[in-house]
Amino acid sequence: MSMKSARRLLSLTFFVAVLLVPVPPPRVAFAAEDSAAKVTDVVTFNVKTLKIHCPSCSAARRCTKSRVDIPRADAIKRGGVACKLCGGVCRR
């Protein structure tokens, strides 16, 4: 076997191995929060950007017109995603 065909076989094997490796499903935000206390937490939700903030977050204080305080479960149902600064979690 020549060096060129050996390299092709190796690259083909690697390519097939990469394609066949099972990819884990994407992690859903807030899926691990099952406790009743966290579900009833009130968060600040920006209806324009769909960001979920802790009420004490600096980004939550900046949004004025499009801000509502709702339970976390409702914010998630509306398609909300966690803020990059606070993570959408109120740390007490």
PDB file of N, CA and C in Angstrom:
ATOM      1  N   MET A   1       0.851  -1.164   0.000  1.00  0.00           N
ATOM      2  CA  MET A   1       0.000   0.000   0.000  1.00  0.00           C
ATOM      3  C   MET A   1       0.903   1.234   0.000  1.00  0.00           C
ATOM      4  N   SER A   2       0.587   2.145  -0.875  1.00  0.00           N
ATOM      5  CA  SER A   2       1.417   3.346  -0.958  1.00  0.00           C
ATOM      6  C   SER A   2       1.064   4.310   0.174  1.00  0.00           C
ATOM      7  N   MET A   3       1.924   5.253   0.393  1.00  0.00           N
ATOM      8  CA  MET A   3       1.723   6.239   1.463  1.00  0.00           C
ATOM      9  C   MET A   3       0.489   7.097   1.189  1.00  0.00           C
ATOM     10  N   LYS A   4       0.273   7.423  -0.076  1.00  0.00           N
ATOM     11  CA  LYS A   4      -0.862   8.256  -0.451  1.00  0.00           C
ATOM     12  C   LYS A   4      -2.186   7.541  -0.171  1.00  0.00           C
ATOM     13  N   SER A   5      -2.274   6.272  -0.529  1.00  0.00           N
ATOM     14  CA  SER A   5      -3.515   5.531  -0.279  1.00  0.00           C
ATOM     15  C   SER A   5      -3.714   5.269   1.209  1.00  0.00           C
ATOM     16  N   ALA A   6      -2.624   5.111   1.954  1.00  0.00           N
ATOM     17  CA  ALA A   6      -2.727   4.932   3.404  1.00  0.00           C
ATOM     18  C   ALA A   6      -3.276   6.196   4.054  1.00  0.00           C
ATOM     19  N   ARG A   7      -2.831   7.359   3.617  1.00  0.00           N
ATOM     20  CA  ARG A   7      -3.349   8.621   4.160  1.00  0.00           C
ATOM     21  C   ARG A   7      -4.825   8.799   3.834  1.00  0.00           C
ATOM     22  N   ARG A   8      -5.198   8.441   2.602  1.00  0.00           N
ATOM     23  CA  ARG A   8      -6.611   8.539   2.230  1.00  0.00           C
ATOM     24  C   ARG A   8      -7.472   7.639   3.095  1.00  0.00           C
ATOM     25  N   LEU A   9      -7.005   6.412   3.310  1.00  0.00           N
ATOM     26  CA  LEU A   9      -7.758   5.463   4.125  1.00  0.00           C
ATOM     27  C   LEU A   9      -7.878   5.966   5.557  1.00  0.00           C
ATOM     28  N   LEU A  10      -6.798   6.518   6.078  1.00  0.00           N
ATOM     29  CA  LEU A  10      -6.815   7.048   7.435  1.00  0.00           C
ATOM     30  C   LEU A  10      -7.762   8.232   7.555  1.00  0.00           C
ATOM     31  N   SER A  11      -7.719   9.146   6.590  1.00  0.00           N
ATOM     32  CA  SER A  11      -8.608  10.305   6.657  1.00  0.00           C
ATOM     33  C   SER A  11     -10.064   9.893   6.466  1.00  0.00           C
ATOM     34  N   LEU A  12     -10.310   8.918   5.603  1.00  0.00           N
ATOM     35  CA  LEU A  12     -11.673   8.432   5.405  1.00  0.00           C
ATOM     36  C   LEU A  12     -12.189   7.757   6.672  1.00  0.00           C
ATOM     37  N   THR A  13     -11.339   6.962   7.318  1.00  0.00           N
ATOM     38  CA  THR A  13     -11.719   6.296   8.564  1.00  0.00           C
ATOM     39  C   THR A  13     -12.041   7.324   9.641  1.00  0.00           C
ATOM     40  N   PHE A  14     -11.212   8.351   9.751  1.00  0.00           N
ATOM     41  CA  PHE A  14     -11.443   9.403  10.734  1.00  0.00           C
ATOM     42  C   PHE A  14     -12.755  10.134  10.444  1.00  0.00           C
ATOM     43  N   PHE A  15     -13.008  10.447   9.184  1.00  0.00           N
ATOM     44  CA  PHE A  15     -14.219  11.156   8.791  1.00  0.00           C
ATOM     45  C   PHE A  15     -15.460  10.340   9.130  1.00  0.00           C
ATOM     46  N   VAL A  16     -15.440   9.052   8.843  1.00  0.00           N
ATOM     47  CA  VAL A  16     -16.583   8.175   9.157  1.00  0.00           C
ATOM     48  C   VAL A  16     -16.754   8.053  10.658  1.00  0.00           C
ATOM     49  N   ALA A  17     -15.656   7.958  11.406  1.00  0.00           N
ATOM     50  CA  ALA A  17     -15.735   7.843  12.860  1.00  0.00           C
ATOM     51  C   ALA A  17     -16.341   9.101  13.475  1.00  0.00           C
ATOM     52  N   VAL A  18     -15.991  10.253  12.942  1.00  0.00           N
ATOM     53  CA  VAL A  18     -16.537  11.507  13.455  1.00  0.00           C
ATOM     54  C   VAL A  18     -18.030  11.594  13.167  1.00  0.00           C
ATOM     55  N   LEU A  19     -18.446  11.146  12.011  1.00  0.00           N
ATOM     56  CA  LEU A  19     -19.864  11.196  11.665  1.00  0.00           C
ATOM     57  C   LEU A  19     -20.702  10.221  12.480  1.00  0.00           C
ATOM     58  N   LEU A  20     -20.130   9.102  12.873  1.00  0.00           N
ATOM     59  CA  LEU A  20     -20.887   8.078  13.578  1.00  0.00           C
ATOM     60  C   LEU A  20     -20.909   8.251  15.088  1.00  0.00           C
ATOM     61  N   VAL A  21     -20.110   9.171  15.608  1.00  0.00           N
ATOM     62  CA  VAL A  21     -20.093   9.410  17.054  1.00  0.00           C
ATOM     63  C   VAL A  21     -21.419  10.050  17.440  1.00  0.00           C
ATOM     64  N   PRO A  22     -22.127   9.481  18.415  1.00  0.00           N
ATOM     65  CA  PRO A  22     -23.411  10.068  18.806  1.00  0.00           C
ATOM     66  C   PRO A  22     -23.215  11.443  19.458  1.00  0.00           C
ATOM     67  N   VAL A  23     -24.001  12.371  19.037  1.00  0.00           N
ATOM     68  CA  VAL A  23     -23.936  13.724  19.568  1.00  0.00           C
ATOM     69  C   VAL A  23     -25.007  13.851  20.645  1.00  0.00           C
ATOM     70  N   PRO A  24     -24.634  14.301  21.843  1.00  0.00           N
ATOM     71  CA  PRO A  24     -25.640  14.448  22.887  1.00  0.00           C
ATOM     72  C   PRO A  24     -26.648  15.531  22.508  1.00  0.00           C
ATOM     73  N   PRO A  25     -27.891  15.388  22.943  1.00  0.00           N
ATOM     74  CA  PRO A  25     -28.889  16.406  22.614  1.00  0.00           C
ATOM     75  C   PRO A  25     -28.526  17.732  23.268  1.00  0.00           C
ATOM     76  N   PRO A  26     -28.947  18.843  22.673  1.00  0.00           N
ATOM     77  CA  PRO A  26     -28.614  20.137  23.258  1.00  0.00           C
ATOM     78  C   PRO A  26     -29.254  20.292  24.630  1.00  0.00           C
ATOM     79  N   ARG A  27     -28.539  20.963  25.504  1.00  0.00           N
ATOM     80  CA  ARG A  27     -29.038  21.158  26.855  1.00  0.00           C
ATOM     81  C   ARG A  27     -30.098  22.244  26.856  1.00  0.00           C
ATOM     82  N   VAL A  28     -31.224  21.930  27.442  1.00  0.00           N
ATOM     83  CA  VAL A  28     -32.321  22.882  27.513  1.00  0.00           C
ATOM     84  C   VAL A  28     -32.121  23.759  28.739  1.00  0.00           C
ATOM     85  N   ALA A  29     -32.252  25.048  28.546  1.00  0.00           N
ATOM     86  CA  ALA A  29     -32.076  25.977  29.657  1.00  0.00           C
ATOM     87  C   ALA A  29     -33.123  25.724  30.728  1.00  0.00           C
ATOM     88  N   PHE A  30     -32.699  25.703  31.962  1.00  0.00           N
ATOM     89  CA  PHE A  30     -33.559  25.550  33.125  1.00  0.00           C
ATOM     90  C   PHE A  30     -34.177  24.160  33.246  1.00  0.00           C
ATOM     91  N   ALA A  31     -33.695  23.153  32.536  1.00  0.00           N
ATOM     92  CA  ALA A  31     -34.275  21.812  32.620  1.00  0.00           C
ATOM     93  C   ALA A  31     -33.988  21.164  33.968  1.00  0.00           C
ATOM     94  N   ALA A  32     -32.886  21.514  34.590  1.00  0.00           N
ATOM     95  CA  ALA A  32     -32.512  20.882  35.846  1.00  0.00           C
ATOM     96  C   ALA A  32     -33.246  21.469  37.044  1.00  0.00           C
ATOM     97  N   GLU A  33     -33.957  22.545  36.864  1.00  0.00           N
ATOM     98  CA  GLU A  33     -34.641  23.181  37.987  1.00  0.00           C
ATOM     99  C   GLU A  33     -36.022  22.575  38.167  1.00  0.00           C
ATOM    100  N   ASP A  34     -36.105  21.622  39.070  1.00  0.00           N
ATOM    101  CA  ASP A  34     -37.366  20.947  39.310  1.00  0.00           C
ATOM    102  C   ASP A  34     -38.007  21.338  40.628  1.00  0.00           C
ATOM    103  N   SER A  35     -37.282  22.054  41.467  1.00  0.00           N
ATOM    104  CA  SER A  35     -37.843  22.361  42.771  1.00  0.00           C
ATOM    105  C   SER A  35     -38.971  23.374  42.649  1.00  0.00           C
ATOM    106  N   ALA A  36     -39.944  23.246  43.512  1.00  0.00           N
ATOM    107  CA  ALA A  36     -41.114  24.129  43.472  1.00  0.00           C
ATOM    108  C   ALA A  36     -40.736  25.566  43.813  1.00  0.00           C
ATOM    109  N   ALA A  37     -39.719  25.748  44.624  1.00  0.00           N
ATOM    110  CA  ALA A  37     -39.314  27.102  45.002  1.00  0.00           C
ATOM    111  C   ALA A  37     -38.774  27.870  43.801  1.00  0.00           C
ATOM    112  N   LYS A  38     -38.014  27.207  42.959  1.00  0.00           N
ATOM    113  CA  LYS A  38     -37.446  27.900  41.803  1.00  0.00           C
ATOM    114  C   LYS A  38     -38.493  28.166  40.739  1.00  0.00           C
ATOM    115  N   VAL A  39     -39.490  27.319  40.629  1.00  0.00           N
ATOM    116  CA  VAL A  39     -40.532  27.503  39.626  1.00  0.00           C
ATOM    117  C   VAL A  39     -41.376  28.721  39.950  1.00  0.00           C
ATOM    118  N   THR A  40     -41.599  28.995  41.231  1.00  0.00           N
ATOM    119  CA  THR A  40     -42.443  30.112  41.628  1.00  0.00           C
ATOM    120  C   THR A  40     -41.652  31.411  41.792  1.00  0.00           C
ATOM    121  N   ASP A  41     -40.351  31.378  41.563  1.00  0.00           N
ATOM    122  CA  ASP A  41     -39.548  32.606  41.651  1.00  0.00           C
ATOM    123  C   ASP A  41     -40.041  33.625  40.636  1.00  0.00           C
ATOM    124  N   VAL A  42     -40.086  34.878  41.056  1.00  0.00           N
ATOM    125  CA  VAL A  42     -40.455  35.958  40.151  1.00  0.00           C
ATOM    126  C   VAL A  42     -39.172  36.521  39.565  1.00  0.00           C
ATOM    127  N   VAL A  43     -39.141  36.608  38.254  1.00  0.00           N
ATOM    128  CA  VAL A  43     -37.978  37.127  37.543  1.00  0.00           C
ATOM    129  C   VAL A  43     -38.394  38.340  36.728  1.00  0.00           C
ATOM    130  N   THR A  44     -37.418  39.094  36.302  1.00  0.00           N
ATOM    131  CA  THR A  44     -37.667  40.224  35.417  1.00  0.00           C
ATOM    132  C   THR A  44     -37.469  39.733  33.996  1.00  0.00           C
ATOM    133  N   PHE A  45     -38.476  39.929  33.148  1.00  0.00           N
ATOM    134  CA  PHE A  45     -38.462  39.414  31.782  1.00  0.00           C
ATOM    135  C   PHE A  45     -38.561  40.571  30.812  1.00  0.00           C
ATOM    136  N   ASN A  46     -37.633  40.644  29.878  1.00  0.00           N
ATOM    137  CA  ASN A  46     -37.660  41.673  28.847  1.00  0.00           C
ATOM    138  C   ASN A  46     -38.410  41.099  27.649  1.00  0.00           C
ATOM    139  N   VAL A  47     -39.581  41.643  27.340  1.00  0.00           N
ATOM    140  CA  VAL A  47     -40.417  41.091  26.270  1.00  0.00           C
ATOM    141  C   VAL A  47     -39.867  41.395  24.885  1.00  0.00           C
ATOM    142  N   LYS A  48     -38.955  42.342  24.765  1.00  0.00           N
ATOM    143  CA  LYS A  48     -38.357  42.650  23.464  1.00  0.00           C
ATOM    144  C   LYS A  48     -37.208  41.703  23.140  1.00  0.00           C
ATOM    145  N   THR A  49     -36.303  41.519  24.078  1.00  0.00           N
ATOM    146  CA  THR A  49     -35.127  40.688  23.842  1.00  0.00           C
ATOM    147  C   THR A  49     -35.305  39.250  24.307  1.00  0.00           C
ATOM    148  N   LEU A  50     -36.387  38.973  25.045  1.00  0.00           N
ATOM    149  CA  LEU A  50     -36.692  37.650  25.595  1.00  0.00           C
ATOM    150  C   LEU A  50     -35.613  37.167  26.559  1.00  0.00           C
ATOM    151  N   LYS A  51     -35.054  38.091  27.333  1.00  0.00           N
ATOM    152  CA  LYS A  51     -34.031  37.741  28.324  1.00  0.00           C
ATOM    153  C   LYS A  51     -34.670  37.655  29.706  1.00  0.00           C
ATOM    154  N   ILE A  52     -34.230  36.667  30.474  1.00  0.00           N
ATOM    155  CA  ILE A  52     -34.699  36.487  31.846  1.00  0.00           C
ATOM    156  C   ILE A  52     -33.600  36.994  32.773  1.00  0.00           C
ATOM    157  N   HIS A  53     -33.973  37.923  33.658  1.00  0.00           N
ATOM    158  CA  HIS A  53     -33.021  38.531  34.587  1.00  0.00           C
ATOM    159  C   HIS A  53     -33.474  38.314  36.014  1.00  0.00           C
ATOM    160  N   CYS A  54     -32.514  38.313  36.914  1.00  0.00           N
ATOM    161  CA  CYS A  54     -32.799  38.434  38.329  1.00  0.00           C
ATOM    162  C   CYS A  54     -33.176  39.903  38.546  1.00  0.00           C
ATOM    163  N   PRO A  55     -34.164  40.211  39.397  1.00  0.00           N
ATOM    164  CA  PRO A  55     -34.564  41.609  39.572  1.00  0.00           C
ATOM    165  C   PRO A  55     -33.436  42.545  39.996  1.00  0.00           C
ATOM    166  N   SER A  56     -32.400  42.030  40.632  1.00  0.00           N
ATOM    167  CA  SER A  56     -31.302  42.890  41.068  1.00  0.00           C
ATOM    168  C   SER A  56     -30.196  43.014  40.017  1.00  0.00           C
ATOM    169  N   CYS A  57     -30.366  42.416  38.854  1.00  0.00           N
ATOM    170  CA  CYS A  57     -29.356  42.459  37.788  1.00  0.00           C
ATOM    171  C   CYS A  57     -29.257  43.878  37.216  1.00  0.00           C
ATOM    172  N   SER A  58     -28.050  44.303  36.892  1.00  0.00           N
ATOM    173  CA  SER A  58     -27.864  45.647  36.347  1.00  0.00           C
ATOM    174  C   SER A  58     -28.508  45.775  34.966  1.00  0.00           C
ATOM    175  N   ALA A  59     -28.519  44.713  34.200  1.00  0.00           N
ATOM    176  CA  ALA A  59     -29.161  44.749  32.881  1.00  0.00           C
ATOM    177  C   ALA A  59     -30.681  44.848  33.017  1.00  0.00           C
ATOM    178  N   ALA A  60     -31.241  44.253  34.054  1.00  0.00           N
ATOM    179  CA  ALA A  60     -32.684  44.338  34.282  1.00  0.00           C
ATOM    180  C   ALA A  60     -33.090  45.753  34.666  1.00  0.00           C
ATOM    181  N   ARG A  61     -32.235  46.436  35.388  1.00  0.00           N
ATOM    182  CA  ARG A  61     -32.550  47.814  35.786  1.00  0.00           C
ATOM    183  C   ARG A  61     -32.481  48.773  34.604  1.00  0.00           C
ATOM    184  N   ARG A  62     -31.690  48.431  33.598  1.00  0.00           N
ATOM    185  CA  ARG A  62     -31.564  49.302  32.427  1.00  0.00           C
ATOM    186  C   ARG A  62     -32.768  49.228  31.499  1.00  0.00           C
ATOM    187  N   CYS A  63     -33.402  48.055  31.394  1.00  0.00           N
ATOM    188  CA  CYS A  63     -34.564  47.977  30.497  1.00  0.00           C
ATOM    189  C   CYS A  63     -35.776  48.534  31.240  1.00  0.00           C
ATOM    190  N   THR A  64     -36.430  49.503  30.644  1.00  0.00           N
ATOM    191  CA  THR A  64     -37.503  50.205  31.344  1.00  0.00           C
ATOM    192  C   THR A  64     -38.879  49.936  30.756  1.00  0.00           C
ATOM    193  N   LYS A  65     -39.052  50.124  29.459  1.00  0.00           N
ATOM    194  CA  LYS A  65     -40.376  50.017  28.849  1.00  0.00           C
ATOM    195  C   LYS A  65     -40.824  48.583  28.639  1.00  0.00           C
ATOM    196  N   SER A  66     -39.935  47.715  28.263  1.00  0.00           N
ATOM    197  CA  SER A  66     -40.322  46.360  27.876  1.00  0.00           C
ATOM    198  C   SER A  66     -40.060  45.337  28.976  1.00  0.00           C
ATOM    199  N   ARG A  67     -40.086  45.775  30.218  1.00  0.00           N
ATOM    200  CA  ARG A  67     -39.782  44.918  31.352  1.00  0.00           C
ATOM    201  C   ARG A  67     -41.042  44.548  32.113  1.00  0.00           C
ATOM    202  N   VAL A  68     -41.204  43.238  32.396  1.00  0.00           N
ATOM    203  CA  VAL A  68     -42.312  42.772  33.231  1.00  0.00           C
ATOM    204  C   VAL A  68     -41.767  41.798  34.263  1.00  0.00           C
ATOM    205  N   ASP A  69     -42.402  41.777  35.429  1.00  0.00           N
ATOM    206  CA  ASP A  69     -42.035  40.829  36.478  1.00  0.00           C
ATOM    207  C   ASP A  69     -43.050  39.698  36.459  1.00  0.00           C
ATOM    208  N   ILE A  70     -42.591  38.512  36.106  1.00  0.00           N
ATOM    209  CA  ILE A  70     -43.470  37.350  35.996  1.00  0.00           C
ATOM    210  C   ILE A  70     -42.770  36.138  36.598  1.00  0.00           C
ATOM    211  N   PRO A  71     -43.517  35.064  36.885  1.00  0.00           N
ATOM    212  CA  PRO A  71     -42.872  33.833  37.378  1.00  0.00           C
ATOM    213  C   PRO A  71     -41.935  33.246  36.319  1.00  0.00           C
ATOM    214  N   ARG A  72     -40.899  32.577  36.778  1.00  0.00           N
ATOM    215  CA  ARG A  72     -39.889  32.002  35.888  1.00  0.00           C
ATOM    216  C   ARG A  72     -40.513  31.032  34.879  1.00  0.00           C
ATOM    217  N   ALA A  73     -41.469  30.228  35.302  1.00  0.00           N
ATOM    218  CA  ALA A  73     -42.091  29.254  34.405  1.00  0.00           C
ATOM    219  C   ALA A  73     -42.783  29.954  33.232  1.00  0.00           C
ATOM    220  N   ASP A  74     -43.443  31.066  33.494  1.00  0.00           N
ATOM    221  CA  ASP A  74     -44.106  31.807  32.423  1.00  0.00           C
ATOM    222  C   ASP A  74     -43.089  32.431  31.461  1.00  0.00           C
ATOM    223  N   ALA A  75     -41.975  32.901  32.004  1.00  0.00           N
ATOM    224  CA  ALA A  75     -40.933  33.488  31.154  1.00  0.00           C
ATOM    225  C   ALA A  75     -40.340  32.427  30.232  1.00  0.00           C
ATOM    226  N   ILE A  76     -40.169  31.227  30.727  1.00  0.00           N
ATOM    227  CA  ILE A  76     -39.626  30.143  29.908  1.00  0.00           C
ATOM    228  C   ILE A  76     -40.628  29.747  28.832  1.00  0.00           C
ATOM    229  N   LYS A  77     -41.907  29.702  29.195  1.00  0.00           N
ATOM    230  CA  LYS A  77     -42.946  29.373  28.216  1.00  0.00           C
ATOM    231  C   LYS A  77     -42.998  30.398  27.091  1.00  0.00           C
ATOM    232  N   ARG A  78     -42.662  31.642  27.398  1.00  0.00           N
ATOM    233  CA  ARG A  78     -42.669  32.701  26.382  1.00  0.00           C
ATOM    234  C   ARG A  78     -41.409  32.691  25.525  1.00  0.00           C
ATOM    235  N   GLY A  79     -40.506  31.748  25.774  1.00  0.00           N
ATOM    236  CA  GLY A  79     -39.291  31.635  24.971  1.00  0.00           C
ATOM    237  C   GLY A  79     -38.105  32.369  25.548  1.00  0.00           C
ATOM    238  N   GLY A  80     -38.136  32.654  26.816  1.00  0.00           N
ATOM    239  CA  GLY A  80     -37.058  33.401  27.447  1.00  0.00           C
ATOM    240  C   GLY A  80     -35.772  32.610  27.579  1.00  0.00           C
ATOM    241  N   VAL A  81     -34.667  33.329  27.494  1.00  0.00           N
ATOM    242  CA  VAL A  81     -33.336  32.749  27.691  1.00  0.00           C
ATOM    243  C   VAL A  81     -32.635  33.522  28.800  1.00  0.00           C
ATOM    244  N   ALA A  82     -31.696  32.879  29.443  1.00  0.00           N
ATOM    245  CA  ALA A  82     -31.016  33.478  30.595  1.00  0.00           C
ATOM    246  C   ALA A  82     -30.119  34.641  30.188  1.00  0.00           C
ATOM    247  N   CYS A  83     -30.044  35.613  31.044  1.00  0.00           N
ATOM    248  CA  CYS A  83     -29.158  36.760  30.873  1.00  0.00           C
ATOM    249  C   CYS A  83     -27.703  36.291  30.991  1.00  0.00           C
ATOM    250  N   LYS A  84     -26.793  36.926  30.254  1.00  0.00           N
ATOM    251  CA  LYS A  84     -25.390  36.550  30.330  1.00  0.00           C
ATOM    252  C   LYS A  84     -24.729  37.036  31.611  1.00  0.00           C
ATOM    253  N   LEU A  85     -25.265  38.077  32.204  1.00  0.00           N
ATOM    254  CA  LEU A  85     -24.652  38.617  33.425  1.00  0.00           C
ATOM    255  C   LEU A  85     -25.051  37.848  34.669  1.00  0.00           C
ATOM    256  N   CYS A  86     -26.353  37.660  34.861  1.00  0.00           N
ATOM    257  CA  CYS A  86     -26.830  37.035  36.106  1.00  0.00           C
ATOM    258  C   CYS A  86     -27.260  35.583  35.905  1.00  0.00           C
ATOM    259  N   GLY A  87     -27.434  35.147  34.689  1.00  0.00           N
ATOM    260  CA  GLY A  87     -27.862  33.781  34.431  1.00  0.00           C
ATOM    261  C   GLY A  87     -29.346  33.558  34.647  1.00  0.00           C
ATOM    262  N   GLY A  88     -30.070  34.617  34.937  1.00  0.00           N
ATOM    263  CA  GLY A  88     -31.506  34.505  35.155  1.00  0.00           C
ATOM    264  C   GLY A  88     -31.880  33.846  36.462  1.00  0.00           C
ATOM    265  N   VAL A  89     -30.909  33.689  37.352  1.00  0.00           N
ATOM    266  CA  VAL A  89     -31.134  33.017  38.625  1.00  0.00           C
ATOM    267  C   VAL A  89     -30.885  34.009  39.749  1.00  0.00           C
ATOM    268  N   CYS A  90     -31.832  34.085  40.661  1.00  0.00           N
ATOM    269  CA  CYS A  90     -31.687  34.975  41.809  1.00  0.00           C
ATOM    270  C   CYS A  90     -30.941  34.237  42.905  1.00  0.00           C
ATOM    271  N   ARG A  91     -29.769  34.715  43.231  1.00  0.00           N
ATOM    272  CA  ARG A  91     -28.977  34.096  44.298  1.00  0.00           C
ATOM    273  C   ARG A  91     -29.250  34.840  45.595  1.00  0.00           C
ATOM    274  N   ARG A  92     -29.697  34.088  46.558  1.00  0.00           N
ATOM    275  CA  ARG A  92     -30.054  34.722  47.842  1.00  0.00           C
ATOM    276  C   ARG A  92     -29.024  34.466  48.883  1.00  0.00           C
TER     277      ARG A  92
END
